[in-house]
PDB file of N, CA and C in Angstrom:
ATOM      1  N   MET A   1      14.516  40.179   1.623  1.00  0.00           N
ATOM      2  CA  MET A   1      14.105  39.619   0.357  1.00  0.00           C
ATOM      3  C   MET A   1      14.347  38.108   0.388  1.00  0.00           C
ATOM      4  N   SER A   2      13.363  37.325  -0.019  1.00  0.00           N
ATOM      5  CA  SER A   2      13.499  35.873   0.042  1.00  0.00           C
ATOM      6  C   SER A   2      13.982  35.313  -1.288  1.00  0.00           C
ATOM      7  N   CYS A   3      14.551  34.137  -1.199  1.00  0.00           N
ATOM      8  CA  CYS A   3      15.074  33.451  -2.383  1.00  0.00           C
ATOM      9  C   CYS A   3      13.942  32.686  -3.066  1.00  0.00           C
ATOM     10  N   PRO A   4      13.717  32.873  -4.374  1.00  0.00           N
ATOM     11  CA  PRO A   4      12.627  32.191  -5.077  1.00  0.00           C
ATOM     12  C   PRO A   4      12.730  30.668  -5.006  1.00  0.00           C
ATOM     13  N   GLN A   5      13.953  30.129  -5.053  1.00  0.00           N
ATOM     14  CA  GLN A   5      14.114  28.676  -4.984  1.00  0.00           C
ATOM     15  C   GLN A   5      13.674  28.152  -3.627  1.00  0.00           C
ATOM     16  N   PHE A   6      14.008  28.888  -2.565  1.00  0.00           N
ATOM     17  CA  PHE A   6      13.602  28.476  -1.228  1.00  0.00           C
ATOM     18  C   PHE A   6      12.088  28.497  -1.110  1.00  0.00           C
ATOM     19  N   ASP A   7      11.463  29.550  -1.639  1.00  0.00           N
ATOM     20  CA  ASP A   7      10.006  29.651  -1.593  1.00  0.00           C
ATOM     21  C   ASP A   7       9.353  28.499  -2.348  1.00  0.00           C
ATOM     22  N   LEU A   8       9.902  28.135  -3.491  1.00  0.00           N
ATOM     23  CA  LEU A   8       9.364  27.034  -4.278  1.00  0.00           C
ATOM     24  C   LEU A   8       9.488  25.719  -3.517  1.00  0.00           C
ATOM     25  N   LEU A   9      10.645  25.484  -2.889  1.00  0.00           N
ATOM     26  CA  LEU A   9      10.849  24.267  -2.108  1.00  0.00           C
ATOM     27  C   LEU A   9       9.882  24.225  -0.927  1.00  0.00           C
ATOM     28  N   LEU A  10       9.681  25.356  -0.283  1.00  0.00           N
ATOM     29  CA  LEU A  10       8.753  25.425   0.834  1.00  0.00           C
ATOM     30  C   LEU A  10       7.334  25.110   0.379  1.00  0.00           C
ATOM     31  N   ILE A  11       6.925  25.650  -0.744  1.00  0.00           N
ATOM     32  CA  ILE A  11       5.585  25.383  -1.285  1.00  0.00           C
ATOM     33  C   ILE A  11       5.442  23.907  -1.632  1.00  0.00           C
ATOM     34  N   GLU A  12       6.468  23.315  -2.277  1.00  0.00           N
ATOM     35  CA  GLU A  12       6.417  21.891  -2.623  1.00  0.00           C
ATOM     36  C   GLU A  12       6.314  21.031  -1.369  1.00  0.00           C
ATOM     37  N   THR A  13       7.046  21.404  -0.327  1.00  0.00           N
ATOM     38  CA  THR A  13       7.010  20.651   0.921  1.00  0.00           C
ATOM     39  C   THR A  13       5.634  20.733   1.562  1.00  0.00           C
ATOM     40  N   ILE A  14       5.048  21.913   1.571  1.00  0.00           N
ATOM     41  CA  ILE A  14       3.715  22.088   2.148  1.00  0.00           C
ATOM     42  C   ILE A  14       2.685  21.294   1.363  1.00  0.00           C
ATOM     43  N   LEU A  15       2.730  21.365   0.045  1.00  0.00           N
ATOM     44  CA  LEU A  15       1.787  20.612  -0.785  1.00  0.00           C
ATOM     45  C   LEU A  15       1.965  19.117  -0.595  1.00  0.00           C
ATOM     46  N   ALA A  16       3.200  18.651  -0.553  1.00  0.00           N
ATOM     47  CA  ALA A  16       3.457  17.223  -0.383  1.00  0.00           C
ATOM     48  C   ALA A  16       2.965  16.750   0.978  1.00  0.00           C
ATOM     49  N   THR A  17       3.180  17.558   2.023  1.00  0.00           N
ATOM     50  CA  THR A  17       2.735  17.188   3.356  1.00  0.00           C
ATOM     51  C   THR A  17       1.218  17.116   3.411  1.00  0.00           C
ATOM     52  N   ASP A  18       0.539  18.018   2.734  1.00  0.00           N
ATOM     53  CA  ASP A  18      -0.920  17.993   2.703  1.00  0.00           C
ATOM     54  C   ASP A  18      -1.450  16.742   2.017  1.00  0.00           C
ATOM     55  N   GLN A  19      -0.666  16.132   1.147  1.00  0.00           N
ATOM     56  CA  GLN A  19      -1.088  14.941   0.414  1.00  0.00           C
ATOM     57  C   GLN A  19      -0.606  13.657   1.076  1.00  0.00           C
ATOM     58  N   GLY A  20      -0.107  13.711   2.311  1.00  0.00           N
ATOM     59  CA  GLY A  20       0.361  12.524   3.008  1.00  0.00           C
ATOM     60  C   GLY A  20       1.781  12.143   2.657  1.00  0.00           C
ATOM     61  N   THR A  21       2.534  13.069   2.113  1.00  0.00           N
ATOM     62  CA  THR A  21       3.916  12.814   1.742  1.00  0.00           C
ATOM     63  C   THR A  21       4.782  13.927   2.290  1.00  0.00           C
ATOM     64  N   THR A  22       6.088  13.722   2.274  1.00  0.00           N
ATOM     65  CA  THR A  22       7.020  14.786   2.634  1.00  0.00           C
ATOM     66  C   THR A  22       8.110  14.833   1.584  1.00  0.00           C
ATOM     67  N   ALA A  23       8.725  15.986   1.432  1.00  0.00           N
ATOM     68  CA  ALA A  23       9.821  16.123   0.470  1.00  0.00           C
ATOM     69  C   ALA A  23      11.128  15.811   1.178  1.00  0.00           C
ATOM     70  N   ASN A  24      11.945  15.005   0.573  1.00  0.00           N
ATOM     71  CA  ASN A  24      13.256  14.672   1.093  1.00  0.00           C
ATOM     72  C   ASN A  24      14.186  15.832   0.735  1.00  0.00           C
ATOM     73  N   ASP A  25      14.801  16.457   1.742  1.00  0.00           N
ATOM     74  CA  ASP A  25      15.627  17.639   1.504  1.00  0.00           C
ATOM     75  C   ASP A  25      16.794  17.371   0.558  1.00  0.00           C
ATOM     76  N   SER A  26      17.455  16.232   0.713  1.00  0.00           N
ATOM     77  CA  SER A  26      18.668  16.008  -0.062  1.00  0.00           C
ATOM     78  C   SER A  26      18.401  15.688  -1.523  1.00  0.00           C
ATOM     79  N   LEU A  27      17.327  15.010  -1.825  1.00  0.00           N
ATOM     80  CA  LEU A  27      17.082  14.589  -3.201  1.00  0.00           C
ATOM     81  C   LEU A  27      15.810  15.181  -3.797  1.00  0.00           C
ATOM     82  N   ASP A  28      15.059  15.908  -3.029  1.00  0.00           N
ATOM     83  CA  ASP A  28      13.750  16.412  -3.445  1.00  0.00           C
ATOM     84  C   ASP A  28      12.857  15.274  -3.933  1.00  0.00           C
ATOM     85  N   GLU A  29      13.036  14.105  -3.335  1.00  0.00           N
ATOM     86  CA  GLU A  29      12.229  12.939  -3.682  1.00  0.00           C
ATOM     87  C   GLU A  29      11.117  12.806  -2.650  1.00  0.00           C
ATOM     88  N   LEU A  30       9.932  12.519  -3.123  1.00  0.00           N
ATOM     89  CA  LEU A  30       8.812  12.380  -2.208  1.00  0.00           C
ATOM     90  C   LEU A  30       8.935  11.124  -1.372  1.00  0.00           C
ATOM     91  N   GLU A  31       8.445  11.219  -0.137  1.00  0.00           N
ATOM     92  CA  GLU A  31       8.369  10.081   0.764  1.00  0.00           C
ATOM     93  C   GLU A  31       6.904   9.883   1.106  1.00  0.00           C
ATOM     94  N   TYR A  32       6.490   8.637   1.218  1.00  0.00           N
ATOM     95  CA  TYR A  32       5.091   8.330   1.485  1.00  0.00           C
ATOM     96  C   TYR A  32       4.958   7.508   2.757  1.00  0.00           C
ATOM     97  N   THR A  33       3.853   7.702   3.453  1.00  0.00           N
ATOM     98  CA  THR A  33       3.558   6.856   4.595  1.00  0.00           C
ATOM     99  C   THR A  33       3.181   5.474   4.083  1.00  0.00           C
ATOM    100  N   ARG A  34       3.237   4.502   4.954  1.00  0.00           N
ATOM    101  CA  ARG A  34       2.884   3.135   4.554  1.00  0.00           C
ATOM    102  C   ARG A  34       1.419   3.048   4.150  1.00  0.00           C
ATOM    103  N   THR A  35       0.590   3.842   4.781  1.00  0.00           N
ATOM    104  CA  THR A  35      -0.833   3.845   4.440  1.00  0.00           C
ATOM    105  C   THR A  35      -1.047   4.353   3.021  1.00  0.00           C
ATOM    106  N   ILE A  36      -0.343   5.403   2.647  1.00  0.00           N
ATOM    107  CA  ILE A  36      -0.456   5.946   1.291  1.00  0.00           C
ATOM    108  C   ILE A  36       0.062   4.930   0.273  1.00  0.00           C
ATOM    109  N   VAL A  37       1.197   4.300   0.568  1.00  0.00           N
ATOM    110  CA  VAL A  37       1.747   3.285  -0.342  1.00  0.00           C
ATOM    111  C   VAL A  37       0.769   2.123  -0.481  1.00  0.00           C
ATOM    112  N   ALA A  38       0.177   1.715   0.626  1.00  0.00           N
ATOM    113  CA  ALA A  38      -0.815   0.633   0.578  1.00  0.00           C
ATOM    114  C   ALA A  38      -1.981   1.017  -0.327  1.00  0.00           C
ATOM    115  N   GLY A  39      -2.418   2.256  -0.254  1.00  0.00           N
ATOM    116  CA  GLY A  39      -3.491   2.729  -1.127  1.00  0.00           C
ATOM    117  C   GLY A  39      -3.087   2.713  -2.593  1.00  0.00           C
ATOM    118  N   LYS A  40      -1.838   3.111  -2.866  1.00  0.00           N
ATOM    119  CA  LYS A  40      -1.356   3.106  -4.254  1.00  0.00           C
ATOM    120  C   LYS A  40      -1.325   1.690  -4.827  1.00  0.00           C
ATOM    121  N   LEU A  41      -0.955   0.715  -3.982  1.00  0.00           N
ATOM    122  CA  LEU A  41      -0.857  -0.673  -4.438  1.00  0.00           C
ATOM    123  C   LEU A  41      -2.170  -1.445  -4.258  1.00  0.00           C
ATOM    124  N   LYS A  42      -3.149  -0.776  -3.644  1.00  0.00           N
ATOM    125  CA  LYS A  42      -4.469  -1.381  -3.407  1.00  0.00           C
ATOM    126  C   LYS A  42      -4.378  -2.649  -2.562  1.00  0.00           C
ATOM    127  N   ILE A  43      -3.609  -2.546  -1.475  1.00  0.00           N
ATOM    128  CA  ILE A  43      -3.466  -3.650  -0.531  1.00  0.00           C
ATOM    129  C   ILE A  43      -3.546  -3.098   0.888  1.00  0.00           C
ATOM    130  N   PRO A  44      -3.799  -3.948   1.892  1.00  0.00           N
ATOM    131  CA  PRO A  44      -3.821  -3.470   3.278  1.00  0.00           C
ATOM    132  C   PRO A  44      -2.430  -3.018   3.740  1.00  0.00           C
ATOM    133  N   ALA A  45      -2.400  -2.104   4.692  1.00  0.00           N
ATOM    134  CA  ALA A  45      -1.126  -1.578   5.198  1.00  0.00           C
ATOM    135  C   ALA A  45      -0.271  -2.681   5.820  1.00  0.00           C
ATOM    136  N   ILE A  46      -0.895  -3.667   6.455  1.00  0.00           N
ATOM    137  CA  ILE A  46      -0.123  -4.757   7.060  1.00  0.00           C
ATOM    138  C   ILE A  46       0.628  -5.547   5.990  1.00  0.00           C
ATOM    139  N   THR A  47       0.072  -5.611   4.789  1.00  0.00           N
ATOM    140  CA  THR A  47       0.746  -6.315   3.695  1.00  0.00           C
ATOM    141  C   THR A  47       2.012  -5.568   3.278  1.00  0.00           C
ATOM    142  N   ILE A  48       1.995  -4.249   3.368  1.00  0.00           N
ATOM    143  CA  ILE A  48       3.207  -3.460   3.092  1.00  0.00           C
ATOM    144  C   ILE A  48       4.307  -3.872   4.062  1.00  0.00           C
ATOM    145  N   VAL A  49       3.946  -4.036   5.332  1.00  0.00           N
ATOM    146  CA  VAL A  49       4.926  -4.463   6.339  1.00  0.00           C
ATOM    147  C   VAL A  49       5.473  -5.842   5.977  1.00  0.00           C
ATOM    148  N   ARG A  50       4.609  -6.737   5.549  1.00  0.00           N
ATOM    149  CA  ARG A  50       5.054  -8.084   5.154  1.00  0.00           C
ATOM    150  C   ARG A  50       5.980  -8.025   3.939  1.00  0.00           C
ATOM    151  N   TYR A  51       5.637  -7.211   2.961  1.00  0.00           N
ATOM    152  CA  TYR A  51       6.483  -7.066   1.776  1.00  0.00           C
ATOM    153  C   TYR A  51       7.841  -6.473   2.147  1.00  0.00           C
ATOM    154  N   LEU A  52       7.839  -5.471   3.026  1.00  0.00           N
ATOM    155  CA  LEU A  52       9.098  -4.868   3.463  1.00  0.00           C
ATOM    156  C   LEU A  52       9.956  -5.893   4.196  1.00  0.00           C
ATOM    157  N   THR A  53       9.325  -6.667   5.076  1.00  0.00           N
ATOM    158  CA  THR A  53      10.056  -7.678   5.832  1.00  0.00           C
ATOM    159  C   THR A  53      10.665  -8.716   4.895  1.00  0.00           C
ATOM    160  N   LEU A  54       9.901  -9.173   3.925  1.00  0.00           N
ATOM    161  CA  LEU A  54      10.414 -10.119   2.931  1.00  0.00           C
ATOM    162  C   LEU A  54      11.530  -9.479   2.104  1.00  0.00           C
ATOM    163  N   GLY A  55      11.310  -8.272   1.655  1.00  0.00           N
ATOM    164  CA  GLY A  55      12.255  -7.598   0.774  1.00  0.00           C
ATOM    165  C   GLY A  55      13.595  -7.282   1.401  1.00  0.00           C
ATOM    166  N   THR A  56      13.631  -7.081   2.719  1.00  0.00           N
ATOM    167  CA  THR A  56      14.904  -6.733   3.364  1.00  0.00           C
ATOM    168  C   THR A  56      15.931  -7.847   3.262  1.00  0.00           C
ATOM    169  N   ASP A  57      15.483  -9.081   3.085  1.00  0.00           N
ATOM    170  CA  ASP A  57      16.421 -10.197   2.941  1.00  0.00           C
ATOM    171  C   ASP A  57      17.152 -10.163   1.600  1.00  0.00           C
ATOM    172  N   TYR A  58      16.610  -9.440   0.632  1.00  0.00           N
ATOM    173  CA  TYR A  58      17.157  -9.470  -0.720  1.00  0.00           C
ATOM    174  C   TYR A  58      17.512  -8.092  -1.277  1.00  0.00           C
ATOM    175  N   ILE A  59      16.774  -7.075  -0.877  1.00  0.00           N
ATOM    176  CA  ILE A  59      16.907  -5.743  -1.474  1.00  0.00           C
ATOM    177  C   ILE A  59      17.457  -4.769  -0.427  1.00  0.00           C
ATOM    178  N   PRO A  60      18.720  -4.383  -0.543  1.00  0.00           N
ATOM    179  CA  PRO A  60      19.334  -3.512   0.462  1.00  0.00           C
ATOM    180  C   PRO A  60      18.592  -2.193   0.696  1.00  0.00           C
ATOM    181  N   ALA A  61      17.993  -1.630  -0.329  1.00  0.00           N
ATOM    182  CA  ALA A  61      17.303  -0.339  -0.191  1.00  0.00           C
ATOM    183  C   ALA A  61      16.123  -0.413   0.774  1.00  0.00           C
ATOM    184  N   LEU A  62      15.557  -1.597   0.967  1.00  0.00           N
ATOM    185  CA  LEU A  62      14.391  -1.731   1.844  1.00  0.00           C
ATOM    186  C   LEU A  62      14.769  -1.910   3.309  1.00  0.00           C
ATOM    187  N   LYS A  63      16.029  -2.138   3.602  1.00  0.00           N
ATOM    188  CA  LYS A  63      16.466  -2.363   4.985  1.00  0.00           C
ATOM    189  C   LYS A  63      16.237  -1.141   5.872  1.00  0.00           C
ATOM    190  N   ALA A  64      16.189   0.021   5.292  1.00  0.00           N
ATOM    191  CA  ALA A  64      15.989   1.248   6.070  1.00  0.00           C
ATOM    192  C   ALA A  64      14.605   1.320   6.703  1.00  0.00           C
ATOM    193  N   TYR A  65      13.651   0.571   6.176  1.00  0.00           N
ATOM    194  CA  TYR A  65      12.270   0.679   6.633  1.00  0.00           C
ATOM    195  C   TYR A  65      11.886  -0.353   7.681  1.00  0.00           C
ATOM    196  N   VAL A  66      12.761  -1.302   7.935  1.00  0.00           N
ATOM    197  CA  VAL A  66      12.470  -2.354   8.907  1.00  0.00           C
ATOM    198  C   VAL A  66      13.678  -2.499   9.816  1.00  0.00           C
ATOM    199  N   SER A  67      13.438  -2.439  11.118  1.00  0.00           N
ATOM    200  CA  SER A  67      14.516  -2.693  12.059  1.00  0.00           C
ATOM    201  C   SER A  67      14.265  -4.041  12.729  1.00  0.00           C
ATOM    202  N   ASP A  68      15.304  -4.643  13.271  1.00  0.00           N
ATOM    203  CA  ASP A  68      15.191  -5.977  13.856  1.00  0.00           C
ATOM    204  C   ASP A  68      14.189  -6.035  15.001  1.00  0.00           C
ATOM    205  N   ASP A  69      14.166  -4.997  15.819  1.00  0.00           N
ATOM    206  CA  ASP A  69      13.294  -5.024  16.989  1.00  0.00           C
ATOM    207  C   ASP A  69      11.877  -4.525  16.719  1.00  0.00           C
ATOM    208  N   ASP A  70      11.671  -3.810  15.626  1.00  0.00           N
ATOM    209  CA  ASP A  70      10.341  -3.264  15.358  1.00  0.00           C
ATOM    210  C   ASP A  70      10.130  -3.076  13.858  1.00  0.00           C
ATOM    211  N   PRO A  71       9.307  -3.942  13.233  1.00  0.00           N
ATOM    212  CA  PRO A  71       9.069  -3.779  11.794  1.00  0.00           C
ATOM    213  C   PRO A  71       8.270  -2.522  11.453  1.00  0.00           C
ATOM    214  N   LEU A  72       7.709  -1.882  12.452  1.00  0.00           N
ATOM    215  CA  LEU A  72       6.946  -0.654  12.219  1.00  0.00           C
ATOM    216  C   LEU A  72       7.742   0.543  12.717  1.00  0.00           C
ATOM    217  N   ASN A  73       8.932   0.746  12.157  1.00  0.00           N
ATOM    218  CA  ASN A  73       9.787   1.829  12.640  1.00  0.00           C
ATOM    219  C   ASN A  73       9.301   3.213  12.228  1.00  0.00           C
ATOM    220  N   GLY A  74       8.287   3.296  11.393  1.00  0.00           N
ATOM    221  CA  GLY A  74       7.669   4.572  11.066  1.00  0.00           C
ATOM    222  C   GLY A  74       8.371   5.394  10.003  1.00  0.00           C
ATOM    223  N   LYS A  75       9.481   4.923   9.486  1.00  0.00           N
ATOM    224  CA  LYS A  75      10.180   5.681   8.447  1.00  0.00           C
ATOM    225  C   LYS A  75       9.351   5.668   7.166  1.00  0.00           C
ATOM    226  N   GLN A  76       9.244   6.826   6.531  1.00  0.00           N
ATOM    227  CA  GLN A  76       8.448   6.920   5.308  1.00  0.00           C
ATOM    228  C   GLN A  76       9.214   6.350   4.120  1.00  0.00           C
ATOM    229  N   ILE A  77       8.466   5.846   3.151  1.00  0.00           N
ATOM    230  CA  ILE A  77       9.038   5.127   2.019  1.00  0.00           C
ATOM    231  C   ILE A  77       9.298   6.088   0.865  1.00  0.00           C
ATOM    232  N   LEU A  78      10.530   6.079   0.377  1.00  0.00           N
ATOM    233  CA  LEU A  78      10.883   6.919  -0.768  1.00  0.00           C
ATOM    234  C   LEU A  78      10.132   6.458  -2.009  1.00  0.00           C
ATOM    235  N   GLU A  79       9.767   7.413  -2.827  1.00  0.00           N
ATOM    236  CA  GLU A  79       9.029   7.110  -4.051  1.00  0.00           C
ATOM    237  C   GLU A  79       9.790   6.118  -4.937  1.00  0.00           C
ATOM    238  N   SER A  80      11.095   6.245  -4.989  1.00  0.00           N
ATOM    239  CA  SER A  80      11.893   5.346  -5.833  1.00  0.00           C
ATOM    240  C   SER A  80      11.913   3.911  -5.314  1.00  0.00           C
ATOM    241  N   ASN A  81      11.607   3.703  -4.042  1.00  0.00           N
ATOM    242  CA  ASN A  81      11.609   2.354  -3.476  1.00  0.00           C
ATOM    243  C   ASN A  81      10.259   1.660  -3.587  1.00  0.00           C
ATOM    244  N   ILE A  82       9.247   2.372  -4.007  1.00  0.00           N
ATOM    245  CA  ILE A  82       7.930   1.757  -4.190  1.00  0.00           C
ATOM    246  C   ILE A  82       7.994   0.701  -5.288  1.00  0.00           C
ATOM    247  N   LYS A  83       8.879   0.885  -6.249  1.00  0.00           N
ATOM    248  CA  LYS A  83       9.000  -0.094  -7.344  1.00  0.00           C
ATOM    249  C   LYS A  83       9.360  -1.477  -6.814  1.00  0.00           C
ATOM    250  N   TYR A  84      10.146  -1.539  -5.743  1.00  0.00           N
ATOM    251  CA  TYR A  84      10.489  -2.834  -5.160  1.00  0.00           C
ATOM    252  C   TYR A  84       9.255  -3.506  -4.561  1.00  0.00           C
ATOM    253  N   LEU A  85       8.423  -2.711  -3.916  1.00  0.00           N
ATOM    254  CA  LEU A  85       7.195  -3.262  -3.340  1.00  0.00           C
ATOM    255  C   LEU A  85       6.242  -3.716  -4.433  1.00  0.00           C
ATOM    256  N   GLU A  86       6.195  -2.970  -5.529  1.00  0.00           N
ATOM    257  CA  GLU A  86       5.371  -3.382  -6.676  1.00  0.00           C
ATOM    258  C   GLU A  86       5.886  -4.697  -7.261  1.00  0.00           C
ATOM    259  N   GLU A  87       7.191  -4.836  -7.313  1.00  0.00           N
ATOM    260  CA  GLU A  87       7.779  -6.078  -7.829  1.00  0.00           C
ATOM    261  C   GLU A  87       7.433  -7.256  -6.919  1.00  0.00           C
ATOM    262  N   ILE A  88       7.565  -7.065  -5.619  1.00  0.00           N
ATOM    263  CA  ILE A  88       7.225  -8.129  -4.675  1.00  0.00           C
ATOM    264  C   ILE A  88       5.747  -8.476  -4.787  1.00  0.00           C
ATOM    265  N   GLN A  89       4.906  -7.460  -4.914  1.00  0.00           N
ATOM    266  CA  GLN A  89       3.472  -7.701  -5.063  1.00  0.00           C
ATOM    267  C   GLN A  89       3.197  -8.546  -6.307  1.00  0.00           C
ATOM    268  N   TYR A  90       3.802  -8.199  -7.408  1.00  0.00           N
ATOM    269  CA  TYR A  90       3.602  -8.942  -8.653  1.00  0.00           C
ATOM    270  C   TYR A  90       4.043 -10.397  -8.484  1.00  0.00           C
ATOM    271  N   LEU A  91       5.227 -10.581  -7.917  1.00  0.00           N
ATOM    272  CA  LEU A  91       5.741 -11.939  -7.735  1.00  0.00           C
ATOM    273  C   LEU A  91       4.842 -12.760  -6.820  1.00  0.00           C
ATOM    274  N   LYS A  92       4.378 -12.151  -5.731  1.00  0.00           N
ATOM    275  CA  LYS A  92       3.516 -12.869  -4.783  1.00  0.00           C
ATOM    276  C   LYS A  92       2.190 -13.262  -5.422  1.00  0.00           C
ATOM    277  N   LEU A  93       1.703 -12.446  -6.341  1.00  0.00           N
ATOM    278  CA  LEU A  93       0.432 -12.754  -7.003  1.00  0.00           C
ATOM    279  C   LEU A  93       0.572 -13.848  -8.060  1.00  0.00           C
ATOM    280  N   HIS A  94       1.748 -13.989  -8.649  1.00  0.00           N
ATOM    281  CA  HIS A  94       1.912 -14.882  -9.793  1.00  0.00           C
ATOM    282  C   HIS A  94       2.731 -16.145  -9.534  1.00  0.00           C
ATOM    283  N   TYR A  95       3.411 -16.225  -8.397  1.00  0.00           N
ATOM    284  CA  TYR A  95       4.285 -17.368  -8.140  1.00  0.00           C
ATOM    285  C   TYR A  95       4.083 -17.911  -6.731  1.00  0.00           C
ATOM    286  N   LEU A  96       4.477 -19.152  -6.536  1.00  0.00           N
ATOM    287  CA  LEU A  96       4.467 -19.770  -5.214  1.00  0.00           C
ATOM    288  C   LEU A  96       5.551 -19.125  -4.353  1.00  0.00           C
ATOM    289  N   PRO A  97       5.383 -19.153  -3.023  1.00  0.00           N
ATOM    290  CA  PRO A  97       6.354 -18.486  -2.142  1.00  0.00           C
ATOM    291  C   PRO A  97       7.809 -18.910  -2.359  1.00  0.00           C
ATOM    292  N   LEU A  98       8.045 -20.191  -2.565  1.00  0.00           N
ATOM    293  CA  LEU A  98       9.416 -20.649  -2.793  1.00  0.00           C
ATOM    294  C   LEU A  98      10.002 -20.023  -4.059  1.00  0.00           C
ATOM    295  N   ARG A  99       9.206 -19.949  -5.093  1.00  0.00           N
ATOM    296  CA  ARG A  99       9.671 -19.359  -6.355  1.00  0.00           C
ATOM    297  C   ARG A  99       9.932 -17.859  -6.195  1.00  0.00           C
ATOM    298  N   VAL A 100       9.112 -17.181  -5.406  1.00  0.00           N
ATOM    299  CA  VAL A 100       9.312 -15.745  -5.150  1.00  0.00           C
ATOM    300  C   VAL A 100      10.684 -15.524  -4.524  1.00  0.00           C
ATOM    301  N   THR A 101      11.018 -16.306  -3.512  1.00  0.00           N
ATOM    302  CA  THR A 101      12.316 -16.133  -2.855  1.00  0.00           C
ATOM    303  C   THR A 101      13.465 -16.483  -3.793  1.00  0.00           C
ATOM    304  N   GLU A 102      13.272 -17.498  -4.632  1.00  0.00           N
ATOM    305  CA  GLU A 102      14.311 -17.850  -5.608  1.00  0.00           C
ATOM    306  C   GLU A 102      14.557 -16.703  -6.595  1.00  0.00           C
ATOM    307  N   ILE A 103      13.479 -16.109  -7.081  1.00  0.00           N
ATOM    308  CA  ILE A 103      13.599 -15.009  -8.050  1.00  0.00           C
ATOM    309  C   ILE A 103      14.290 -13.803  -7.418  1.00  0.00           C
ATOM    310  N   LEU A 104      13.840 -13.414  -6.229  1.00  0.00           N
ATOM    311  CA  LEU A 104      14.442 -12.261  -5.549  1.00  0.00           C
ATOM    312  C   LEU A 104      15.910 -12.521  -5.227  1.00  0.00           C
ATOM    313  N   ASN A 105      16.189 -13.712  -4.742  1.00  0.00           N
ATOM    314  CA  ASN A 105      17.568 -14.064  -4.406  1.00  0.00           C
ATOM    315  C   ASN A 105      18.457 -14.002  -5.642  1.00  0.00           C
ATOM    316  N   HIS A 106      18.007 -14.582  -6.723  1.00  0.00           N
ATOM    317  CA  HIS A 106      18.801 -14.594  -7.957  1.00  0.00           C
ATOM    318  C   HIS A 106      19.008 -13.175  -8.504  1.00  0.00           C
ATOM    319  N   LYS A 107      17.938 -12.418  -8.587  1.00  0.00           N
ATOM    320  CA  LYS A 107      18.018 -11.078  -9.178  1.00  0.00           C
ATOM    321  C   LYS A 107      18.907 -10.144  -8.362  1.00  0.00           C
ATOM    322  N   TYR A 108      18.697 -10.085  -7.052  1.00  0.00           N
ATOM    323  CA  TYR A 108      19.404  -9.096  -6.252  1.00  0.00           C
ATOM    324  C   TYR A 108      20.787  -9.558  -5.817  1.00  0.00           C
ATOM    325  N   THR A 109      21.068 -10.856  -5.856  1.00  0.00           N
ATOM    326  CA  THR A 109      22.431 -11.325  -5.630  1.00  0.00           C
ATOM    327  C   THR A 109      23.297 -10.938  -6.816  1.00  0.00           C
ATOM    328  N   LEU A 110      22.752 -11.068  -8.019  1.00  0.00           N
ATOM    329  CA  LEU A 110      23.488 -10.669  -9.222  1.00  0.00           C
ATOM    330  C   LEU A 110      23.739  -9.167  -9.247  1.00  0.00           C
ATOM    331  N   LEU A 111      22.751  -8.368  -8.818  1.00  0.00           N
ATOM    332  CA  LEU A 111      22.914  -6.912  -8.824  1.00  0.00           C
ATOM    333  C   LEU A 111      23.974  -6.464  -7.821  1.00  0.00           C
ATOM    334  N   GLU A 112      24.016  -7.107  -6.646  1.00  0.00           N
ATOM    335  CA  GLU A 112      24.996  -6.727  -5.633  1.00  0.00           C
ATOM    336  C   GLU A 112      26.414  -7.082  -6.058  1.00  0.00           C
ATOM    337  N   SER A 113      26.562  -8.236  -6.705  1.00  0.00           N
ATOM    338  CA  SER A 113      27.902  -8.670  -7.095  1.00  0.00           C
ATOM    339  C   SER A 113      28.391  -8.005  -8.380  1.00  0.00           C
ATOM    340  N   GLY A 114      27.450  -7.460  -9.177  1.00  0.00           N
ATOM    341  CA  GLY A 114      27.816  -6.879 -10.476  1.00  0.00           C
ATOM    342  C   GLY A 114      28.065  -5.478 -10.398  1.00  0.00           C
TER     343      GLY A 114
END
């Protein structure tokens, strides 16, 4: 006899995988490929890599997606971390590059110290 919760988790994982995502076992949070995230933000996938690279200097949660030797480490992006990419996208569209770095530095330095 199978456990209903296990069956439900298995079904959610299969459905998420069919949609280009996977379920994170520990948090049941969806993970997305960079291509899927790029589609959600309506930008090229290479821009996601650029946003991740920029964001790792300020946002600790994004460091998992970029390694020093290879910015394309292939790790899927947690749904909760997409908000950081949306924030970077907004800032890049509305401010000059120097101002973007100032805003990110100010915001995330305060969050880390507080």
